[in-house]
Amino acid sequence: MNSYQVSRKAKLLISINWISFAICFAWTSRLKGNLLWWRDLNWSAWFADLAGIIELNAMPAGAVWILWIVAGCFFSVVCWTRKPENTETSTLNDPVAKRELIGNAEMMETHPELKEKILRLHQSLDNI
């Protein structure tokens, strides 16, 4: 599995998380009858409220909401700002691709741009 597939899966999971968050936020806003209910959460002590999770104590729902927001933002930033690995390597030095081109060596030597394209194609097929 290459890094592009992992990145796509991570972005899909992050997107599903935010869609779920939006649905739950809208549902809670509808039940509370106020769109600004999140301002009443205990923003100053939410982290201390989470300490009860280690001992399996009851904890306020506001702490869970804030944890969801913070964790979602953190993973979103990590996922969206992560640079993908450089998969564009020099294909002319790839021994597997060179071995496959030996049959048409004369044509490849007279057309270097064709040689480079075919080597990239072989490398792309190897990644699949």
Protein backbone atom coordinates (compact mmCIF):
# COMPACT_ATOMS: atom_id res chain seq x y z
CA MET A 1 0.00 0.00 0.00
CA ASN A 2 1.56 3.30 -1.00
CA SER A 3 1.44 6.57 0.91
CA TYR A 4 -1.16 8.04 -1.46
CA GLN A 5 -3.69 5.33 -0.53
CA VAL A 6 -3.02 5.77 3.17
CA SER A 7 -3.43 9.51 2.82
CA ARG A 8 -6.74 9.09 0.98
CA LYS A 9 -8.03 6.73 3.68
CA ALA A 10 -6.97 9.09 6.44
CA LYS A 11 -8.65 12.02 4.73
CA LEU A 12 -11.80 9.96 4.24
CA LEU A 13 -11.89 9.07 7.95
CA ILE A 14 -11.31 12.71 8.93
CA SER A 15 -14.13 13.76 6.60
CA ILE A 16 -16.47 11.14 8.10
CA ASN A 17 -15.53 12.42 11.56
CA TRP A 18 -16.45 16.02 10.69
CA ILE A 19 -19.68 14.99 9.00
CA SER A 20 -20.61 13.00 12.12
CA PHE A 21 -19.69 15.97 14.28
CA ALA A 22 -21.87 18.31 12.20
CA ILE A 23 -24.83 15.93 12.43
CA CYS A 24 -24.47 15.54 16.20
CA PHE A 25 -23.99 19.29 16.64
CA ALA A 26 -27.13 20.04 14.62
CA TRP A 27 -29.10 17.41 16.52
CA THR A 28 -27.97 18.77 19.90
CA SER A 29 -28.72 22.33 18.79
CA ARG A 30 -32.22 21.25 17.77
CA LEU A 31 -32.83 19.46 21.08
CA LYS A 32 -31.53 22.40 23.13
CA GLY A 33 -33.39 24.90 20.97
CA ASN A 34 -30.34 27.12 20.77
CA LEU A 35 -27.46 27.18 18.30
CA LEU A 36 -25.10 28.78 20.83
CA TRP A 37 -25.26 26.00 23.44
CA TRP A 38 -21.56 25.27 22.97
CA ARG A 39 -20.65 28.61 24.60
CA ASP A 40 -22.00 27.30 27.92
CA LEU A 41 -19.56 24.37 27.99
CA ASN A 42 -16.94 24.36 30.74
CA TRP A 43 -14.03 25.38 28.50
CA SER A 44 -11.70 26.19 31.40
CA ALA A 45 -11.86 22.82 33.18
CA TRP A 46 -12.68 20.32 30.46
CA PHE A 47 -9.27 18.68 30.62
CA ALA A 48 -9.58 18.13 34.39
CA ASP A 49 -13.00 16.58 33.80
CA LEU A 50 -11.41 14.03 31.48
CA ALA A 51 -9.27 12.68 34.32
CA GLY A 52 -12.30 10.69 35.46
CA ILE A 53 -12.17 8.58 32.31
CA ILE A 54 -9.11 6.72 33.65
CA GLU A 55 -11.10 5.55 36.68
CA LEU A 56 -14.25 4.99 34.58
CA ASN A 57 -16.10 7.72 36.48
CA ALA A 58 -18.98 9.67 35.07
CA MET A 59 -17.89 12.77 33.24
CA PRO A 60 -19.73 15.76 31.85
CA ALA A 61 -20.90 15.59 28.27
CA GLY A 62 -19.34 18.99 27.66
CA ALA A 63 -15.89 17.52 28.23
CA VAL A 64 -16.58 14.89 25.59
CA TRP A 65 -17.73 17.56 23.13
CA ILE A 66 -14.61 19.63 23.71
CA LEU A 67 -12.40 16.54 23.41
CA TRP A 68 -14.09 15.71 20.11
CA ILE A 69 -13.46 19.22 18.79
CA VAL A 70 -9.83 19.32 19.94
CA ALA A 71 -9.00 15.80 18.70
CA GLY A 72 -10.78 16.42 15.39
CA CYS A 73 -8.88 19.65 14.82
CA PHE A 74 -5.57 18.04 15.75
CA PHE A 75 -5.99 15.06 13.43
CA SER A 76 -7.30 17.28 10.65
CA VAL A 77 -4.26 19.52 10.83
CA VAL A 78 -1.91 16.53 10.90
CA CYS A 79 -3.68 14.82 8.00
CA TRP A 80 -4.09 17.83 5.72
CA THR A 81 -0.67 19.39 6.28
CA ARG A 82 1.37 16.19 6.05
CA LYS A 83 3.49 16.14 2.93
CA PRO A 84 3.21 12.91 0.96
CA GLU A 85 6.37 10.95 0.46
CA ASN A 86 8.27 11.74 -2.71
CA THR A 87 7.23 8.97 -5.09
CA GLU A 88 8.77 10.73 -8.08
CA THR A 89 12.22 9.13 -8.15
CA SER A 90 14.57 8.90 -11.04
CA THR A 91 13.16 6.12 -13.14
CA LEU A 92 16.24 5.92 -15.34
CA ASN A 93 18.15 4.33 -12.43
CA ASP A 94 15.44 1.79 -11.60
CA PRO A 95 16.93 -1.67 -12.36
CA VAL A 96 13.54 -3.40 -12.72
CA ALA A 97 12.33 -0.90 -15.30
CA LYS A 98 15.66 -1.01 -17.17
CA ARG A 99 15.48 -4.80 -17.41
CA GLU A 100 12.04 -4.60 -19.06
CA LEU A 101 13.26 -2.13 -21.68
CA ILE A 102 16.13 -4.25 -23.01
CA GLY A 103 13.98 -5.70 -25.81
CA ASN A 104 13.55 -2.27 -27.42
CA ALA A 105 16.91 -0.78 -26.53
CA GLU A 106 17.61 0.72 -29.99
CA MET A 107 14.34 2.61 -30.12
CA MET A 108 14.67 3.73 -26.50
CA GLU A 109 18.16 5.18 -27.03
CA THR A 110 17.01 7.27 -30.02
CA HIS A 111 13.96 8.67 -28.15
CA PRO A 112 14.95 9.59 -24.56
CA GLU A 113 11.57 11.25 -23.78
CA LEU A 114 9.79 8.02 -24.75
CA LYS A 115 12.18 6.06 -22.60
CA GLU A 116 11.43 8.26 -19.58
CA LYS A 117 7.66 7.96 -20.08
CA ILE A 118 7.79 4.19 -20.38
CA LEU A 119 10.00 3.91 -17.30
CA ARG A 120 7.50 6.03 -15.32
CA LEU A 121 4.66 3.85 -16.58
CA HIS A 122 6.47 0.72 -15.40
CA GLN A 123 7.10 2.31 -12.02
CA SER A 124 3.43 3.29 -11.69
CA LEU A 125 2.34 -0.23 -12.57
CA ASP A 126 4.74 -1.65 -9.98
CA ASN A 127 3.13 0.57 -7.32
CA ILE A 128 -0.32 -0.82 -8.13
